[in-house]
Amino acid sequence: MKHFLDIADYSTAELEGLIRLAVQLKQEWAAGGNRPVLAGKVLGMVFEKPSLRTRVSFDVGMLHLGGNALYLSPAEIGLGKRESTADVARVLSGYVQGIMARVFDPEHISELAKWSRVPVINGLSDASHPCQAMADMLTIYEHFGHLRGLKIAYVGDTNNVTKSLGEAAARFGCSMSVASPAGYQFDEDTRDHLDKLGLRLTVTEDAAFAVAGADVIYTDTWISMGQETESEQRRKVFPPYQVNETLLKKAQPHTVVLHCLPAHRGEEITDPVADGPQSLLFEQASNRLHAQKAILVHLMSSNQLNF
């Protein structure tokens, strides 16, 4: 059974194939619409965490491909509480042809995949966000025309997004610098994991040093879901890591800026940068749709697509 759980589970060739497929599906949609290769198929969407981009992009993606999506709220499922994750996986497998889950505990994703008889997609967990990373790479590829050899600078709190971005950078031949304050950097296990993938990684507390020579500057919120009790402390620590015009000028004239959204404007990123000429924030958000269409087709289509 094929699943899409983490970027590291896929080879460079497989991921490059998904990027090519995403580009083709995007072009096909723009030219008049996608073929209904998922006609008669339903994606069950299990949500523990709320979302704008994840829910809408998967829902619309299934619609564009001829299928349907079914939203299941936390109150309806209660993974591991109202019902065991294993039982949820086995029950859903009898109704739908694919499962996408957006959860807190990464073990819930693993359990769903272990017991499911249909493909499982990791829509986000506290450990990783592989669908976001594919949209990021699609956006960078479309802008520069290639990925290998580019430098990505991540500025801010290291989190699930940063880990998946690092995995993708390793697979696609990019280098990565990460600027975070002490105590908020990658833990040793994550650094070892990325090192084994071959990522050329630099970790620093100096944001200006990290963005020097970067082709891409990436940031994310300082306070993720589940970290609200740390808000006051984080707002004291992270201001030197704000992506603003001063920091952007320390990169290159061609440098572009990414943010997985939602953005807390005035904290991790300023309006002039988020809305400026070097911002690709909203192209990046739109590409969640196209990158995920490629994943859906890869996992759920029995048709051979010929472009």
C-alpha atoms as a PDB file:
ATOM      1  CA  MET A   1       0.000   0.000   0.000  1.00  0.00           C
ATOM      2  CA  LYS A   2       1.400   3.390  -1.018  1.00  0.00           C
ATOM      3  CA  HIS A   3       1.097   6.258   1.465  1.00  0.00           C
ATOM      4  CA  PHE A   4       2.417   9.825   1.627  1.00  0.00           C
ATOM      5  CA  LEU A   5       3.596  10.233   5.212  1.00  0.00           C
ATOM      6  CA  ASP A   6       6.986  11.956   5.084  1.00  0.00           C
ATOM      7  CA  ILE A   7       9.230  13.424   2.393  1.00  0.00           C
ATOM      8  CA  ALA A   8      12.085  11.148   3.473  1.00  0.00           C
ATOM      9  CA  ASP A   9      10.018   8.088   2.547  1.00  0.00           C
ATOM     10  CA  TYR A  10      10.329   9.031  -1.130  1.00  0.00           C
ATOM     11  CA  SER A  11      13.404   9.018  -3.368  1.00  0.00           C
ATOM     12  CA  THR A  12      14.608  12.035  -5.305  1.00  0.00           C
ATOM     13  CA  ALA A  13      13.351  10.476  -8.549  1.00  0.00           C
ATOM     14  CA  GLU A  14       9.890   9.878  -7.071  1.00  0.00           C
ATOM     15  CA  LEU A  15       9.644  13.414  -5.713  1.00  0.00           C
ATOM     16  CA  GLU A  16      10.828  14.912  -8.988  1.00  0.00           C
ATOM     17  CA  GLY A  17       8.125  12.879 -10.688  1.00  0.00           C
ATOM     18  CA  LEU A  18       5.515  14.365  -8.348  1.00  0.00           C
ATOM     19  CA  ILE A  19       6.735  17.894  -9.139  1.00  0.00           C
ATOM     20  CA  ARG A  20       6.495  17.199 -12.876  1.00  0.00           C
ATOM     21  CA  LEU A  21       3.009  15.780 -12.408  1.00  0.00           C
ATOM     22  CA  ALA A  22       1.958  18.816 -10.366  1.00  0.00           C
ATOM     23  CA  VAL A  23       3.151  21.141 -13.137  1.00  0.00           C
ATOM     24  CA  GLN A  24       1.273  19.103 -15.737  1.00  0.00           C
ATOM     25  CA  LEU A  25      -1.938  19.012 -13.711  1.00  0.00           C
ATOM     26  CA  LYS A  26      -1.685  22.761 -13.099  1.00  0.00           C
ATOM     27  CA  GLN A  27      -1.244  23.420 -16.808  1.00  0.00           C
ATOM     28  CA  GLU A  28      -4.098  21.068 -17.678  1.00  0.00           C
ATOM     29  CA  TRP A  29      -6.412  22.841 -15.230  1.00  0.00           C
ATOM     30  CA  ALA A  30      -5.493  26.254 -16.670  1.00  0.00           C
ATOM     31  CA  ALA A  31      -6.155  24.963 -20.191  1.00  0.00           C
ATOM     32  CA  GLY A  32      -9.738  23.979 -19.433  1.00  0.00           C
ATOM     33  CA  GLY A  33      -9.861  21.517 -16.559  1.00  0.00           C
ATOM     34  CA  ASN A  34      -8.440  18.258 -15.292  1.00  0.00           C
ATOM     35  CA  ARG A  35      -9.568  14.900 -16.530  1.00  0.00           C
ATOM     36  CA  PRO A  36     -11.795  13.108 -13.983  1.00  0.00           C
ATOM     37  CA  VAL A  37      -9.206  10.479 -13.116  1.00  0.00           C
ATOM     38  CA  LEU A  38     -10.611  10.146  -9.580  1.00  0.00           C
ATOM     39  CA  ALA A  39     -14.254   9.863 -10.624  1.00  0.00           C
ATOM     40  CA  GLY A  40     -16.265   7.828  -8.132  1.00  0.00           C
ATOM     41  CA  LYS A  41     -13.568   8.098  -5.446  1.00  0.00           C
ATOM     42  CA  VAL A  42     -13.852   9.795  -2.062  1.00  0.00           C
ATOM     43  CA  LEU A  43     -11.126  11.194   0.182  1.00  0.00           C
ATOM     44  CA  GLY A  44     -11.917  11.027   3.895  1.00  0.00           C
ATOM     45  CA  MET A  45     -10.387  14.072   5.617  1.00  0.00           C
ATOM     46  CA  VAL A  46      -9.726  13.626   9.331  1.00  0.00           C
ATOM     47  CA  PHE A  47      -9.051  16.887  11.188  1.00  0.00           C
ATOM     48  CA  GLU A  48      -7.748  17.353  14.734  1.00  0.00           C
ATOM     49  CA  LYS A  49      -6.298  20.785  13.885  1.00  0.00           C
ATOM     50  CA  PRO A  50      -8.244  23.506  12.057  1.00  0.00           C
ATOM     51  CA  SER A  51      -7.068  24.623   8.645  1.00  0.00           C
ATOM     52  CA  LEU A  52      -7.882  26.923   5.741  1.00  0.00           C
ATOM     53  CA  ARG A  53      -5.376  25.780   3.112  1.00  0.00           C
ATOM     54  CA  THR A  54      -5.322  22.058   3.916  1.00  0.00           C
ATOM     55  CA  ARG A  55      -9.076  21.612   3.924  1.00  0.00           C
ATOM     56  CA  VAL A  56      -9.878  23.754   0.897  1.00  0.00           C
ATOM     57  CA  SER A  57      -6.981  22.553  -1.266  1.00  0.00           C
ATOM     58  CA  PHE A  58      -7.725  18.854  -0.738  1.00  0.00           C
ATOM     59  CA  ASP A  59     -11.464  19.368  -1.115  1.00  0.00           C
ATOM     60  CA  VAL A  60     -11.105  21.397  -4.321  1.00  0.00           C
ATOM     61  CA  GLY A  61      -8.368  19.105  -5.620  1.00  0.00           C
ATOM     62  CA  MET A  62     -10.641  16.080  -5.374  1.00  0.00           C
ATOM     63  CA  LEU A  63     -13.448  18.039  -7.058  1.00  0.00           C
ATOM     64  CA  HIS A  64     -11.170  19.072  -9.950  1.00  0.00           C
ATOM     65  CA  LEU A  65     -10.118  15.449 -10.439  1.00  0.00           C
ATOM     66  CA  GLY A  66     -13.699  14.182 -10.544  1.00  0.00           C
ATOM     67  CA  GLY A  67     -13.929  12.830  -7.013  1.00  0.00           C
ATOM     68  CA  ASN A  68     -15.309  14.014  -3.686  1.00  0.00           C
ATOM     69  CA  ALA A  69     -13.941  14.812  -0.241  1.00  0.00           C
ATOM     70  CA  LEU A  70     -15.586  14.227   3.127  1.00  0.00           C
ATOM     71  CA  TYR A  71     -14.682  16.489   6.061  1.00  0.00           C
ATOM     72  CA  LEU A  72     -14.577  14.779   9.472  1.00  0.00           C
ATOM     73  CA  SER A  73     -14.270  17.135  12.448  1.00  0.00           C
ATOM     74  CA  PRO A  74     -12.485  16.412  15.742  1.00  0.00           C
ATOM     75  CA  ALA A  75     -15.854  15.915  17.455  1.00  0.00           C
ATOM     76  CA  GLU A  76     -16.843  13.252  14.935  1.00  0.00           C
ATOM     77  CA  ILE A  77     -13.662  11.178  15.193  1.00  0.00           C
ATOM     78  CA  GLY A  78     -11.663  11.722  18.397  1.00  0.00           C
ATOM     79  CA  LEU A  79      -8.641   9.650  17.361  1.00  0.00           C
ATOM     80  CA  GLY A  80      -7.582   7.415  20.229  1.00  0.00           C
ATOM     81  CA  LYS A  81     -10.297   8.806  22.508  1.00  0.00           C
ATOM     82  CA  ARG A  82     -13.792   8.135  21.238  1.00  0.00           C
ATOM     83  CA  GLU A  83     -12.428   5.273  19.150  1.00  0.00           C
ATOM     84  CA  SER A  84      -9.017   3.715  18.629  1.00  0.00           C
ATOM     85  CA  THR A  85      -7.003   5.005  15.686  1.00  0.00           C
ATOM     86  CA  ALA A  86      -6.722   1.455  14.366  1.00  0.00           C
ATOM     87  CA  ASP A  87     -10.499   1.047  14.349  1.00  0.00           C
ATOM     88  CA  VAL A  88     -10.973   4.431  12.673  1.00  0.00           C
ATOM     89  CA  ALA A  89      -8.568   3.381   9.916  1.00  0.00           C
ATOM     90  CA  ARG A  90     -10.321   0.062   9.344  1.00  0.00           C
ATOM     91  CA  VAL A  91     -13.795   1.579   9.355  1.00  0.00           C
ATOM     92  CA  LEU A  92     -12.904   4.455   7.022  1.00  0.00           C
ATOM     93  CA  SER A  93     -11.161   2.030   4.664  1.00  0.00           C
ATOM     94  CA  GLY A  94     -14.535   0.425   4.012  1.00  0.00           C
ATOM     95  CA  TYR A  95     -16.087   3.725   2.918  1.00  0.00           C
ATOM     96  CA  VAL A  96     -13.467   5.835   1.156  1.00  0.00           C
ATOM     97  CA  GLN A  97     -10.621   5.334  -1.304  1.00  0.00           C
ATOM     98  CA  GLY A  98      -8.106   7.557   0.493  1.00  0.00           C
ATOM     99  CA  ILE A  99      -7.559   9.148   3.920  1.00  0.00           C
ATOM    100  CA  MET A 100      -5.952  12.508   4.655  1.00  0.00           C
ATOM    101  CA  ALA A 101      -5.323  13.320   8.311  1.00  0.00           C
ATOM    102  CA  ARG A 102      -4.241  16.584   9.979  1.00  0.00           C
ATOM    103  CA  VAL A 103      -3.285  15.704  13.542  1.00  0.00           C
ATOM    104  CA  PHE A 104      -1.210  16.615  16.581  1.00  0.00           C
ATOM    105  CA  ASP A 105       0.415  13.280  17.448  1.00  0.00           C
ATOM    106  CA  PRO A 106       2.498  11.794  14.589  1.00  0.00           C
ATOM    107  CA  GLU A 107       1.727   8.336  15.967  1.00  0.00           C
ATOM    108  CA  HIS A 108      -1.856   8.816  14.806  1.00  0.00           C
ATOM    109  CA  ILE A 109      -0.612   9.127  11.220  1.00  0.00           C
ATOM    110  CA  SER A 110       1.525   6.009  11.615  1.00  0.00           C
ATOM    111  CA  GLU A 111      -1.369   4.047  13.115  1.00  0.00           C
ATOM    112  CA  LEU A 112      -3.770   5.117  10.379  1.00  0.00           C
ATOM    113  CA  ALA A 113      -1.292   3.970   7.735  1.00  0.00           C
ATOM    114  CA  LYS A 114      -0.610   0.687   9.548  1.00  0.00           C
ATOM    115  CA  TRP A 115      -4.267  -0.340   9.686  1.00  0.00           C
ATOM    116  CA  SER A 116      -5.713   1.341   6.611  1.00  0.00           C
ATOM    117  CA  ARG A 117      -6.529  -0.594   3.467  1.00  0.00           C
ATOM    118  CA  VAL A 118      -6.423   2.631   1.416  1.00  0.00           C
ATOM    119  CA  PRO A 119      -3.677   5.250   0.938  1.00  0.00           C
ATOM    120  CA  VAL A 120      -3.053   7.654   3.834  1.00  0.00           C
ATOM    121  CA  ILE A 121      -1.756  11.207   3.372  1.00  0.00           C
ATOM    122  CA  ASN A 122      -0.115  13.153   6.170  1.00  0.00           C
ATOM    123  CA  GLY A 123      -1.875  16.528   5.980  1.00  0.00           C
ATOM    124  CA  LEU A 124       0.204  17.686   8.967  1.00  0.00           C
ATOM    125  CA  SER A 125       1.416  16.364  12.292  1.00  0.00           C
ATOM    126  CA  ASP A 126       3.503  17.927  15.030  1.00  0.00           C
ATOM    127  CA  ALA A 127       6.507  16.134  13.498  1.00  0.00           C
ATOM    128  CA  SER A 128       6.179  16.968   9.806  1.00  0.00           C
ATOM    129  CA  HIS A 129       4.265  18.735   7.049  1.00  0.00           C
ATOM    130  CA  PRO A 130       5.206  16.973   3.798  1.00  0.00           C
ATOM    131  CA  CYS A 131       2.361  18.365   1.679  1.00  0.00           C
ATOM    132  CA  GLN A 132       3.479  21.899   2.505  1.00  0.00           C
ATOM    133  CA  ALA A 133       7.059  21.039   1.554  1.00  0.00           C
ATOM    134  CA  MET A 134       5.933  19.775  -1.854  1.00  0.00           C
ATOM    135  CA  ALA A 135       4.021  23.003  -2.479  1.00  0.00           C
ATOM    136  CA  ASP A 136       7.124  24.930  -1.417  1.00  0.00           C
ATOM    137  CA  MET A 137       9.342  23.042  -3.832  1.00  0.00           C
ATOM    138  CA  LEU A 138       6.828  23.415  -6.647  1.00  0.00           C
ATOM    139  CA  THR A 139       6.781  27.186  -6.060  1.00  0.00           C
ATOM    140  CA  ILE A 140      10.575  27.459  -6.006  1.00  0.00           C
ATOM    141  CA  TYR A 141      10.883  25.263  -9.100  1.00  0.00           C
ATOM    142  CA  GLU A 142       8.382  27.325 -11.059  1.00  0.00           C
ATOM    143  CA  HIS A 143      10.155  30.564 -10.130  1.00  0.00           C
ATOM    144  CA  PHE A 144      13.773  29.541 -10.757  1.00  0.00           C
ATOM    145  CA  GLY A 145      13.274  26.760 -13.306  1.00  0.00           C
ATOM    146  CA  HIS A 146      15.347  24.353 -11.227  1.00  0.00           C
ATOM    147  CA  LEU A 147      15.988  23.306  -7.619  1.00  0.00           C
ATOM    148  CA  ARG A 148      19.446  21.775  -7.437  1.00  0.00           C
ATOM    149  CA  GLY A 149      22.079  24.136  -6.090  1.00  0.00           C
ATOM    150  CA  LEU A 150      19.707  26.710  -4.612  1.00  0.00           C
ATOM    151  CA  LYS A 151      20.147  27.982  -1.053  1.00  0.00           C
ATOM    152  CA  ILE A 152      17.127  28.150   1.249  1.00  0.00           C
ATOM    153  CA  ALA A 153      17.382  30.228   4.425  1.00  0.00           C
ATOM    154  CA  TYR A 154      14.837  29.495   7.138  1.00  0.00           C
ATOM    155  CA  VAL A 155      14.488  32.199   9.796  1.00  0.00           C
ATOM    156  CA  GLY A 156      12.506  31.649  12.996  1.00  0.00           C
ATOM    157  CA  ASP A 157      11.264  28.759  15.098  1.00  0.00           C
ATOM    158  CA  THR A 158      12.256  25.274  13.933  1.00  0.00           C
ATOM    159  CA  ASN A 159       9.136  23.145  13.731  1.00  0.00           C
ATOM    160  CA  ASN A 160       7.383  20.491  11.659  1.00  0.00           C
ATOM    161  CA  VAL A 161       7.479  22.743   8.578  1.00  0.00           C
ATOM    162  CA  THR A 162      11.226  23.314   8.948  1.00  0.00           C
ATOM    163  CA  LYS A 163      11.917  19.588   9.242  1.00  0.00           C
ATOM    164  CA  SER A 164       9.953  18.695   6.101  1.00  0.00           C
ATOM    165  CA  LEU A 165      11.506  21.619   4.245  1.00  0.00           C
ATOM    166  CA  GLY A 166      14.933  20.284   5.219  1.00  0.00           C
ATOM    167  CA  GLU A 167      14.039  16.807   3.982  1.00  0.00           C
ATOM    168  CA  ALA A 168      12.846  18.254   0.682  1.00  0.00           C
ATOM    169  CA  ALA A 169      15.954  20.416   0.352  1.00  0.00           C
ATOM    170  CA  ALA A 170      18.097  17.307   0.822  1.00  0.00           C
ATOM    171  CA  ARG A 171      16.176  15.281  -1.737  1.00  0.00           C
ATOM    172  CA  PHE A 172      16.167  18.070  -4.352  1.00  0.00           C
ATOM    173  CA  GLY A 173      19.815  19.073  -3.910  1.00  0.00           C
ATOM    174  CA  CYS A 174      19.354  22.421  -2.156  1.00  0.00           C
ATOM    175  CA  SER A 175      21.443  23.678   0.746  1.00  0.00           C
ATOM    176  CA  MET A 176      19.760  25.123   3.825  1.00  0.00           C
ATOM    177  CA  SER A 177      20.701  27.576   6.545  1.00  0.00           C
ATOM    178  CA  VAL A 178      18.533  27.854   9.646  1.00  0.00           C
ATOM    179  CA  ALA A 179      18.624  30.869  11.958  1.00  0.00           C
ATOM    180  CA  SER A 180      16.923  30.365  15.310  1.00  0.00           C
ATOM    181  CA  PRO A 181      17.588  31.503  18.866  1.00  0.00           C
ATOM    182  CA  ALA A 182      19.275  29.134  21.286  1.00  0.00           C
ATOM    183  CA  GLY A 183      16.754  26.669  22.654  1.00  0.00           C
ATOM    184  CA  TYR A 184      14.602  26.795  19.533  1.00  0.00           C
ATOM    185  CA  GLN A 185      16.922  25.092  17.045  1.00  0.00           C
ATOM    186  CA  PHE A 186      16.713  21.578  15.624  1.00  0.00           C
ATOM    187  CA  ASP A 187      17.189  18.903  18.253  1.00  0.00           C
ATOM    188  CA  GLU A 188      20.040  16.452  17.844  1.00  0.00           C
ATOM    189  CA  ASP A 189      17.857  13.675  16.422  1.00  0.00           C
ATOM    190  CA  THR A 190      16.505  15.939  13.693  1.00  0.00           C
ATOM    191  CA  ARG A 191      19.977  17.180  12.780  1.00  0.00           C
ATOM    192  CA  ASP A 192      21.235  13.598  12.595  1.00  0.00           C
ATOM    193  CA  HIS A 193      18.240  12.646  10.443  1.00  0.00           C
ATOM    194  CA  LEU A 194      18.845  15.509   7.990  1.00  0.00           C
ATOM    195  CA  ASP A 195      22.561  14.776   7.930  1.00  0.00           C
ATOM    196  CA  LYS A 196      21.862  11.163   6.953  1.00  0.00           C
ATOM    197  CA  LEU A 197      19.714  12.450   4.092  1.00  0.00           C
ATOM    198  CA  GLY A 198      22.706  14.427   2.859  1.00  0.00           C
ATOM    199  CA  LEU A 199      21.422  17.922   3.591  1.00  0.00           C
ATOM    200  CA  ARG A 200      24.056  20.645   3.493  1.00  0.00           C
ATOM    201  CA  LEU A 201      22.834  22.376   6.650  1.00  0.00           C
ATOM    202  CA  THR A 202      24.113  25.423   8.498  1.00  0.00           C
ATOM    203  CA  VAL A 203      22.587  26.283  11.879  1.00  0.00           C
ATOM    204  CA  THR A 204      23.145  29.726  13.369  1.00  0.00           C
ATOM    205  CA  GLU A 205      21.684  32.267  15.766  1.00  0.00           C
ATOM    206  CA  ASP A 206      22.479  35.064  13.274  1.00  0.00           C
ATOM    207  CA  ALA A 207      19.627  35.784  10.858  1.00  0.00           C
ATOM    208  CA  ALA A 208      21.759  38.075   8.665  1.00  0.00           C
ATOM    209  CA  PHE A 209      24.407  35.361   8.324  1.00  0.00           C
ATOM    210  CA  ALA A 210      21.750  32.791   7.380  1.00  0.00           C
ATOM    211  CA  VAL A 211      20.204  34.854   4.575  1.00  0.00           C
ATOM    212  CA  ALA A 212      23.510  35.946   3.009  1.00  0.00           C
ATOM    213  CA  GLY A 213      23.615  34.440  -0.476  1.00  0.00           C
ATOM    214  CA  ALA A 214      20.173  32.854  -0.097  1.00  0.00           C
ATOM    215  CA  ASP A 215      17.884  32.373  -3.074  1.00  0.00           C
ATOM    216  CA  VAL A 216      14.879  31.781  -0.817  1.00  0.00           C
ATOM    217  CA  ILE A 217      14.020  33.126   2.633  1.00  0.00           C
ATOM    218  CA  TYR A 218      11.369  31.141   4.470  1.00  0.00           C
ATOM    219  CA  THR A 219       9.648  31.892   7.751  1.00  0.00           C
ATOM    220  CA  ASP A 220       6.739  30.669   9.845  1.00  0.00           C
ATOM    221  CA  THR A 221       4.787  31.815  12.878  1.00  0.00           C
ATOM    222  CA  TRP A 222       6.667  32.071  16.154  1.00  0.00           C
ATOM    223  CA  ILE A 223       3.760  30.486  18.033  1.00  0.00           C
ATOM    224  CA  SER A 224       2.290  27.332  16.531  1.00  0.00           C
ATOM    225  CA  MET A 225      -0.937  25.627  17.553  1.00  0.00           C
ATOM    226  CA  GLY A 226      -0.434  24.050  20.959  1.00  0.00           C
ATOM    227  CA  GLN A 227       2.244  26.573  22.014  1.00  0.00           C
ATOM    228  CA  GLU A 228      -0.107  29.338  23.181  1.00  0.00           C
ATOM    229  CA  THR A 229       1.123  29.107  26.788  1.00  0.00           C
ATOM    230  CA  GLU A 230       4.598  30.088  25.533  1.00  0.00           C
ATOM    231  CA  SER A 231       3.356  33.177  23.680  1.00  0.00           C
ATOM    232  CA  GLU A 232       4.766  35.795  26.037  1.00  0.00           C
ATOM    233  CA  GLN A 233       8.233  34.230  26.174  1.00  0.00           C
ATOM    234  CA  ARG A 234       8.399  33.622  22.433  1.00  0.00           C
ATOM    235  CA  ARG A 235       7.483  37.223  21.640  1.00  0.00           C
ATOM    236  CA  LYS A 236      10.470  38.313  23.733  1.00  0.00           C
ATOM    237  CA  VAL A 237      12.921  35.941  22.058  1.00  0.00           C
ATOM    238  CA  PHE A 238      12.055  36.048  18.355  1.00  0.00           C
ATOM    239  CA  PRO A 239      11.972  39.744  17.266  1.00  0.00           C
ATOM    240  CA  PRO A 240      15.593  39.570  15.943  1.00  0.00           C
ATOM    241  CA  TYR A 241      14.319  36.887  13.540  1.00  0.00           C
ATOM    242  CA  GLN A 242      11.628  38.980  11.899  1.00  0.00           C
ATOM    243  CA  VAL A 243      11.726  38.873   8.093  1.00  0.00           C
ATOM    244  CA  ASN A 244      11.606  42.569   7.263  1.00  0.00           C
ATOM    245  CA  GLU A 245      13.022  44.882   4.601  1.00  0.00           C
ATOM    246  CA  THR A 246      16.309  45.310   6.471  1.00  0.00           C
ATOM    247  CA  LEU A 247      16.893  41.547   6.590  1.00  0.00           C
ATOM    248  CA  LEU A 248      15.777  41.057   2.982  1.00  0.00           C
ATOM    249  CA  LYS A 249      18.397  43.553   1.801  1.00  0.00           C
ATOM    250  CA  LYS A 250      21.085  41.325   3.318  1.00  0.00           C
ATOM    251  CA  ALA A 251      20.177  38.579   0.853  1.00  0.00           C
ATOM    252  CA  GLN A 252      20.335  38.886  -2.954  1.00  0.00           C
ATOM    253  CA  PRO A 253      18.325  41.091  -5.335  1.00  0.00           C
ATOM    254  CA  HIS A 254      16.654  38.003  -6.775  1.00  0.00           C
ATOM    255  CA  THR A 255      15.834  36.422  -3.392  1.00  0.00           C
ATOM    256  CA  VAL A 256      12.196  35.416  -2.910  1.00  0.00           C
ATOM    257  CA  VAL A 257      10.258  35.068   0.333  1.00  0.00           C
ATOM    258  CA  LEU A 258       8.016  32.177   1.386  1.00  0.00           C
ATOM    259  CA  HIS A 259       5.722  31.651   4.372  1.00  0.00           C
ATOM    260  CA  CYS A 260       3.453  28.636   4.829  1.00  0.00           C
ATOM    261  CA  LEU A 261       0.698  30.828   6.361  1.00  0.00           C
ATOM    262  CA  PRO A 262      -1.217  31.848   8.368  1.00  0.00           C
ATOM    263  CA  ALA A 263       1.063  34.845   8.888  1.00  0.00           C
ATOM    264  CA  HIS A 264       1.109  36.927  12.027  1.00  0.00           C
ATOM    265  CA  ARG A 265       1.951  40.165  10.275  1.00  0.00           C
ATOM    266  CA  GLY A 266       4.146  42.450  12.306  1.00  0.00           C
ATOM    267  CA  GLU A 267       5.675  39.491  14.146  1.00  0.00           C
ATOM    268  CA  GLU A 268       7.616  37.003  12.001  1.00  0.00           C
ATOM    269  CA  ILE A 269       7.052  38.977   8.785  1.00  0.00           C
ATOM    270  CA  THR A 270       6.194  42.572   7.944  1.00  0.00           C
ATOM    271  CA  ASP A 271       3.583  43.829   5.488  1.00  0.00           C
ATOM    272  CA  PRO A 272       6.106  45.413   3.089  1.00  0.00           C
ATOM    273  CA  VAL A 273       7.828  42.029   2.689  1.00  0.00           C
ATOM    274  CA  ALA A 274       4.703  39.831   2.659  1.00  0.00           C
ATOM    275  CA  ASP A 275       3.061  42.072   0.046  1.00  0.00           C
ATOM    276  CA  GLY A 276       6.227  43.162  -1.736  1.00  0.00           C
ATOM    277  CA  PRO A 277       7.658  42.270  -5.144  1.00  0.00           C
ATOM    278  CA  GLN A 278       9.878  39.507  -3.759  1.00  0.00           C
ATOM    279  CA  SER A 279       7.014  37.713  -2.009  1.00  0.00           C
ATOM    280  CA  LEU A 280       5.687  34.428  -3.369  1.00  0.00           C
ATOM    281  CA  LEU A 281       3.403  33.809  -0.385  1.00  0.00           C
ATOM    282  CA  PHE A 282       0.180  33.541  -2.321  1.00  0.00           C
ATOM    283  CA  GLU A 283       1.590  31.621  -5.282  1.00  0.00           C
ATOM    284  CA  GLN A 284       2.912  29.241  -2.631  1.00  0.00           C
ATOM    285  CA  ALA A 285      -0.523  28.967  -1.003  1.00  0.00           C
ATOM    286  CA  SER A 286      -2.172  28.302  -4.377  1.00  0.00           C
ATOM    287  CA  ASN A 287       0.359  25.583  -5.096  1.00  0.00           C
ATOM    288  CA  ARG A 288      -0.917  23.545  -2.167  1.00  0.00           C
ATOM    289  CA  LEU A 289      -3.766  22.670  -4.530  1.00  0.00           C
ATOM    290  CA  HIS A 290      -1.574  21.593  -7.419  1.00  0.00           C
ATOM    291  CA  ALA A 291       1.077  19.741  -5.400  1.00  0.00           C
ATOM    292  CA  GLN A 292      -1.626  17.813  -3.566  1.00  0.00           C
ATOM    293  CA  LYS A 293      -3.430  16.970  -6.788  1.00  0.00           C
ATOM    294  CA  ALA A 294      -0.236  15.218  -7.855  1.00  0.00           C
ATOM    295  CA  ILE A 295      -0.130  13.285  -4.574  1.00  0.00           C
ATOM    296  CA  LEU A 296      -3.805  12.319  -4.904  1.00  0.00           C
ATOM    297  CA  VAL A 297      -3.352  11.111  -8.475  1.00  0.00           C
ATOM    298  CA  HIS A 298      -0.178   9.232  -7.541  1.00  0.00           C
ATOM    299  CA  LEU A 299      -1.904   7.407  -4.694  1.00  0.00           C
ATOM    300  CA  MET A 300      -5.523   7.056  -5.786  1.00  0.00           C
ATOM    301  CA  SER A 301      -5.677   6.934  -9.575  1.00  0.00           C
ATOM    302  CA  SER A 302      -5.726   3.662 -11.443  1.00  0.00           C
ATOM    303  CA  ASN A 303      -5.517   5.541 -14.757  1.00  0.00           C
ATOM    304  CA  GLN A 304      -2.263   6.182 -16.567  1.00  0.00           C
ATOM    305  CA  LEU A 305      -2.063   9.909 -17.257  1.00  0.00           C
ATOM    306  CA  ASN A 306      -0.566  10.887 -20.593  1.00  0.00           C
ATOM    307  CA  PHE A 307       0.310  14.543 -21.055  1.00  0.00           C
END
